N, C-alpha and C. Protein backbone atom coordinates (compact mmCIF):
# COMPACT_ATOMS: atom_id res chain seq x y z
N MET A 1 0.47 -1.12 0.14
CA MET A 1 -0.29 -0.44 0.01
C MET A 1 0.87 1.71 -0.17
N THR A 2 0.51 2.50 -0.63
CA THR A 2 1.14 3.15 -0.99
C THR A 2 0.87 4.30 0.38
N PHE A 3 1.94 5.36 0.02
CA PHE A 3 1.83 6.14 1.47
C PHE A 3 0.39 7.28 0.75
N LEU A 4 0.46 7.86 -0.24
CA LEU A 4 -1.14 8.32 -1.04
C LEU A 4 -2.06 7.26 -0.33
N GLN A 5 -2.54 6.21 -0.97
CA GLN A 5 -3.96 5.59 -0.45
C GLN A 5 -3.81 5.40 0.96
N LEU A 6 -2.91 5.66 1.56
CA LEU A 6 -2.95 5.19 3.66
C LEU A 6 -3.10 6.72 3.38
N PHE A 7 -2.77 7.60 3.22
CA PHE A 7 -3.09 9.42 3.46
C PHE A 7 -4.57 9.20 3.54
N PHE A 8 -5.38 8.95 2.09
CA PHE A 8 -6.67 8.97 1.54
C PHE A 8 -7.37 8.04 2.39
N LEU A 9 -7.06 7.05 3.43
CA LEU A 9 -7.62 6.04 4.01
C LEU A 9 -7.39 6.33 5.62
N MET A 10 -7.16 7.85 5.90
CA MET A 10 -7.03 8.10 7.37
C MET A 10 -8.42 8.88 6.45
N GLY A 11 -9.51 8.14 7.39
CA GLY A 11 -10.97 8.97 7.70
C GLY A 11 -11.44 9.51 8.73
N SER A 12 -12.48 9.83 9.12
CA SER A 12 -13.14 9.78 10.71
C SER A 12 -13.85 8.26 10.88
N PRO A 13 -13.69 7.61 11.87
CA PRO A 13 -14.64 6.25 12.15
C PRO A 13 -15.68 6.30 11.53
N ASP A 14 -16.45 7.53 11.38
CA ASP A 14 -18.20 7.37 11.06
C ASP A 14 -18.22 7.77 9.46
N GLY A 15 -16.84 7.43 8.76
CA GLY A 15 -17.51 7.33 7.34
C GLY A 15 -17.00 8.23 6.59
N GLY A 16 -17.88 9.36 7.57
CA GLY A 16 -17.31 11.15 6.76
C GLY A 16 -16.05 11.03 6.05
N GLY A 17 -16.14 12.17 4.78
CA GLY A 17 -14.72 12.32 3.86
C GLY A 17 -14.24 13.53 4.15
N ASP A 18 -14.40 13.93 5.37
CA ASP A 18 -14.26 15.47 5.85
C ASP A 18 -12.40 15.16 6.76
N GLY A 19 -12.12 14.29 6.85
CA GLY A 19 -10.87 13.92 7.23
C GLY A 19 -9.28 13.86 7.04
N ALA A 20 -9.93 12.95 5.57
CA ALA A 20 -8.37 13.66 4.72
C ALA A 20 -8.39 15.15 4.29
N ILE A 21 -9.68 16.14 3.83
CA ILE A 21 -9.16 17.01 3.53
C ILE A 21 -8.33 18.05 5.02
N ILE A 22 -9.18 17.66 6.08
CA ILE A 22 -8.64 18.06 7.33
C ILE A 22 -6.91 18.38 7.68
N ASN A 23 -6.53 16.97 6.65
CA ASN A 23 -5.29 16.19 6.99
C ASN A 23 -4.70 17.15 5.91
N LEU A 24 -5.08 17.21 4.49
CA LEU A 24 -4.35 17.85 3.93
C LEU A 24 -4.15 19.04 4.07
N PHE A 25 -5.16 19.25 4.32
CA PHE A 25 -5.26 21.14 5.09
C PHE A 25 -4.11 21.35 6.01
N PHE A 26 -3.82 19.92 7.41
CA PHE A 26 -2.88 20.72 8.12
C PHE A 26 -0.93 20.40 7.72
N LEU A 27 -1.52 19.62 6.63
CA LEU A 27 -0.02 19.51 5.93
C LEU A 27 0.39 20.29 5.58
N GLY A 28 -0.26 20.70 4.75
CA GLY A 28 -0.20 22.46 3.82
C GLY A 28 0.05 23.55 4.91
N ALA A 29 -0.77 23.82 6.19
CA ALA A 29 -0.69 25.00 6.81
C ALA A 29 0.99 24.62 7.37
N LEU A 30 1.62 23.16 7.87
CA LEU A 30 2.63 23.32 8.32
C LEU A 30 3.79 23.52 7.65
N PHE A 31 3.51 22.70 5.80
CA PHE A 31 4.45 23.33 5.50
C PHE A 31 5.27 24.56 4.94
N PHE A 32 3.83 25.33 5.29
CA PHE A 32 3.98 27.34 5.14
C PHE A 32 4.50 27.73 6.48
N VAL A 33 4.45 27.14 7.37
CA VAL A 33 5.10 27.32 8.79
C VAL A 33 6.47 27.02 8.72
N PHE A 34 6.70 26.15 8.48
CA PHE A 34 8.52 25.69 8.11
C PHE A 34 9.46 26.44 6.64
N TYR A 35 8.08 26.74 5.58
CA TYR A 35 8.80 27.31 4.94
C TYR A 35 8.92 29.35 5.15
N PHE A 36 8.09 29.37 5.71
CA PHE A 36 8.13 30.98 6.14
C PHE A 36 8.77 31.36 7.46
N PHE A 37 9.07 30.30 8.41
CA PHE A 37 9.79 30.84 9.36
C PHE A 37 11.30 30.01 9.72
N ILE A 38 11.09 29.35 8.75
CA ILE A 38 12.82 28.69 8.84
C ILE A 38 13.70 28.44 7.30
N ILE A 39 13.29 27.82 6.62
CA ILE A 39 14.04 27.45 5.12
C ILE A 39 14.06 28.85 4.86
N ARG A 40 12.90 29.92 4.65
CA ARG A 40 13.32 31.34 3.58
C ARG A 40 14.30 32.44 4.63
N PRO A 41 13.74 32.16 5.86
CA PRO A 41 15.06 32.77 6.60
C PRO A 41 16.83 32.66 6.51
N GLN A 42 16.69 31.32 6.78
CA GLN A 42 18.24 30.41 6.16
C GLN A 42 18.57 30.76 4.88
N SER A 43 17.97 30.61 4.13
CA SER A 43 18.66 30.57 2.52
C SER A 43 18.60 32.45 2.91
N LYS A 44 18.21 33.12 3.31
CA LYS A 44 18.42 34.43 3.05
C LYS A 44 19.66 35.30 3.31
N ARG A 45 20.00 34.27 4.50
CA ARG A 45 20.81 34.65 5.81
C ARG A 45 22.28 33.96 5.09
N GLN A 46 21.84 32.95 3.95
CA GLN A 46 23.04 32.30 3.45
C GLN A 46 24.05 33.29 2.19
N LYS A 47 22.66 33.50 1.09
CA LYS A 47 23.09 34.76 0.43
C LYS A 47 23.91 35.83 1.03
N GLU A 48 23.49 36.64 2.16
CA GLU A 48 23.84 37.63 2.63
C GLU A 48 25.60 37.06 2.88
N ILE A 49 25.81 36.28 3.54
CA ILE A 49 26.93 35.53 4.01
C ILE A 49 27.95 35.46 2.45
N GLN A 50 27.35 34.82 1.46
CA GLN A 50 27.88 34.54 0.26
C GLN A 50 28.47 35.48 -0.12
N LYS A 51 27.97 36.67 0.31
CA LYS A 51 27.82 38.44 -1.01
C LYS A 51 28.96 38.45 0.40
N LYS A 52 28.68 38.25 1.98
CA LYS A 52 30.18 38.91 2.25
C LYS A 52 31.46 38.63 2.09
N VAL A 53 31.28 37.38 2.12
CA VAL A 53 32.57 36.53 1.17
C VAL A 53 33.62 36.73 -0.28
N GLY A 54 32.53 36.84 -0.98
CA GLY A 54 32.53 37.80 -2.13
C GLY A 54 33.19 39.19 -1.84
N GLU A 55 32.74 39.84 -1.38
CA GLU A 55 33.30 41.08 -1.44
C GLU A 55 34.66 41.36 -0.06
N MET A 56 34.84 40.45 0.37
CA MET A 56 35.74 40.32 1.38
C MET A 56 37.65 41.39 0.66
N LYS A 57 37.95 41.36 1.77
CA LYS A 57 39.08 42.28 1.11
C LYS A 57 40.23 42.12 2.36
N LYS A 58 41.99 42.84 1.46
CA LYS A 58 42.26 42.74 2.61
C LYS A 58 42.44 43.46 3.76
N GLY A 59 42.91 42.72 4.88
CA GLY A 59 42.57 43.69 6.04
C GLY A 59 41.21 43.76 6.61
N ASP A 60 40.40 43.11 6.42
CA ASP A 60 38.83 42.75 7.10
C ASP A 60 39.19 41.66 8.35
N LYS A 61 37.96 41.78 9.22
CA LYS A 61 38.02 40.73 10.40
C LYS A 61 36.70 40.03 9.70
N VAL A 62 36.94 38.30 10.28
CA VAL A 62 36.59 37.31 9.89
C VAL A 62 36.31 36.36 10.71
N VAL A 63 35.33 35.28 10.80
CA VAL A 63 35.29 34.36 11.60
C VAL A 63 35.15 33.22 11.04
N THR A 64 36.03 31.89 11.15
CA THR A 64 35.72 31.03 10.70
C THR A 64 34.52 29.93 11.70
N SER A 65 34.45 28.74 10.73
CA SER A 65 33.35 27.65 11.00
C SER A 65 33.67 27.23 11.97
N GLY A 66 34.92 27.27 12.48
CA GLY A 66 35.18 26.82 13.43
C GLY A 66 35.82 27.62 14.89
N GLY A 67 34.96 28.67 14.77
CA GLY A 67 35.40 29.52 15.77
C GLY A 67 36.56 30.52 16.17
N MET A 68 37.36 30.30 15.01
CA MET A 68 38.65 31.25 14.91
C MET A 68 38.48 32.64 14.27
N PHE A 69 38.81 33.62 15.02
CA PHE A 69 38.90 35.19 14.60
C PHE A 69 40.13 35.63 13.92
N GLY A 70 40.08 36.03 12.34
CA GLY A 70 41.14 36.40 11.81
C GLY A 70 40.95 37.59 11.01
N ILE A 71 42.66 37.96 11.41
CA ILE A 71 42.29 39.34 10.06
C ILE A 71 42.47 38.86 8.49
N VAL A 72 42.59 38.87 7.38
CA VAL A 72 42.54 38.62 5.74
C VAL A 72 44.28 39.36 5.38
N ASN A 73 44.65 38.83 5.21
CA ASN A 73 46.03 38.52 4.47
C ASN A 73 46.06 38.92 3.70
N SER A 74 45.30 37.44 3.20
CA SER A 74 45.66 37.04 1.46
C SER A 74 44.79 36.60 0.53
N ILE A 75 44.61 37.22 -0.29
CA ILE A 75 42.93 35.64 -0.39
C ILE A 75 43.68 35.54 -2.34
N ASP A 76 43.24 34.58 -2.15
CA ASP A 76 43.18 33.31 -3.25
C ASP A 76 41.90 33.05 -4.32
N GLU A 77 41.93 32.37 -5.50
CA GLU A 77 40.65 31.98 -6.07
C GLU A 77 39.68 31.04 -4.82
N GLU A 78 40.34 29.89 -4.32
CA GLU A 78 39.55 29.28 -3.32
C GLU A 78 39.83 29.64 -1.55
N THR A 79 40.78 30.14 -1.16
CA THR A 79 41.11 29.60 -0.46
C THR A 79 41.10 31.55 0.45
N VAL A 80 41.57 31.58 1.67
CA VAL A 80 42.06 32.65 2.22
C VAL A 80 43.00 32.48 3.42
N LEU A 81 44.09 33.33 3.30
CA LEU A 81 45.17 33.34 4.12
C LEU A 81 44.52 34.21 5.52
N LEU A 82 44.74 34.00 6.70
CA LEU A 82 44.63 34.92 7.83
C LEU A 82 44.96 35.16 8.80
N GLU A 83 45.84 36.36 9.78
CA GLU A 83 46.47 36.30 10.75
C GLU A 83 45.64 36.38 11.80
N ILE A 84 45.71 35.05 12.41
CA ILE A 84 45.32 34.89 13.91
C ILE A 84 46.18 35.43 15.09
N ASP A 85 47.12 35.29 14.79
CA ASP A 85 47.60 36.43 15.91
C ASP A 85 48.79 36.68 15.69
N SER A 86 49.84 38.04 15.78
CA SER A 86 50.83 38.20 15.64
C SER A 86 51.59 37.86 15.21
N GLY A 87 52.53 37.17 14.40
CA GLY A 87 52.91 36.03 13.32
C GLY A 87 52.84 34.95 13.09
N VAL A 88 51.50 34.26 13.65
CA VAL A 88 50.79 33.31 13.69
C VAL A 88 49.62 33.63 12.47
N LYS A 89 50.13 32.84 10.91
CA LYS A 89 49.00 33.08 10.40
C LYS A 89 48.20 31.57 10.08
N ALA A 90 46.78 30.83 9.16
CA ALA A 90 46.37 29.74 8.76
C ALA A 90 45.88 29.98 7.55
N ARG A 91 45.76 29.18 6.83
CA ARG A 91 45.13 29.17 5.34
C ARG A 91 43.48 28.44 5.24
N PHE A 92 43.23 28.93 4.79
CA PHE A 92 41.44 28.52 5.35
C PHE A 92 40.64 28.33 3.74
N GLN A 93 39.41 27.38 3.72
CA GLN A 93 38.41 27.77 2.61
C GLN A 93 37.68 28.55 2.91
N LYS A 94 37.24 29.50 1.54
CA LYS A 94 36.52 30.11 1.52
C LYS A 94 35.22 29.70 2.46
N GLY A 95 35.04 28.54 2.07
CA GLY A 95 33.32 28.54 2.45
C GLY A 95 33.23 28.11 4.19
N SER A 96 34.39 28.00 4.86
CA SER A 96 34.13 27.93 5.90
C SER A 96 34.35 29.15 6.58
N ILE A 97 34.10 30.52 5.95
CA ILE A 97 34.05 31.95 6.76
C ILE A 97 32.73 32.48 7.06
N THR A 98 32.03 32.62 8.19
CA THR A 98 30.85 31.96 8.82
C THR A 98 30.35 33.81 9.15
N ASP A 99 31.47 34.72 9.11
CA ASP A 99 31.24 36.40 9.22
C ASP A 99 32.70 37.39 8.44
N VAL A 100 31.72 38.26 8.15
CA VAL A 100 33.24 39.14 7.77
C VAL A 100 32.62 40.61 8.80
N ASN A 101 34.00 40.71 8.85
CA ASN A 101 34.02 42.24 9.84
C ASN A 101 32.39 41.85 10.94
N PRO A 102 32.31 41.03 12.17
CA PRO A 102 31.52 40.79 12.84
C PRO A 102 31.59 42.32 14.06
N GLY A 103 30.18 42.51 13.90
CA GLY A 103 30.00 43.51 15.12
C GLY A 103 30.11 44.46 14.52
N LYS A 104 29.86 45.08 12.58
CA LYS A 104 30.35 45.91 12.44
C LYS A 104 28.59 46.17 12.14
N GLN A 105 27.93 47.33 11.73
CA GLN A 105 27.10 47.35 11.80
C GLN A 105 26.58 48.31 10.25
N GLN A 106 25.31 47.39 9.57
CA GLN A 106 25.59 47.68 8.25
C GLN A 106 25.26 48.77 7.48
């Protein structure tokens, strides 16, 4: 028995056909809530981060996904060289950067 057959068999015990419609309405409302309160804001934030990383330049302060704070020293096509402390440099992939200029108001 497929999921759709099982879904439409879930009706009220007295034989009324309102159960399937109510279940379908509930699933639609649940999808609406998930989309507008979880999926949409997350995708907007991800696009904003990608834009910031694309506009990143030498001297910007950044935060990596591992929680490292650093200052951009040089930028390559796929990687960024960060100065973590005076004289300490590490290379990170651009995808691991989660924030550019943290604390700066737009």
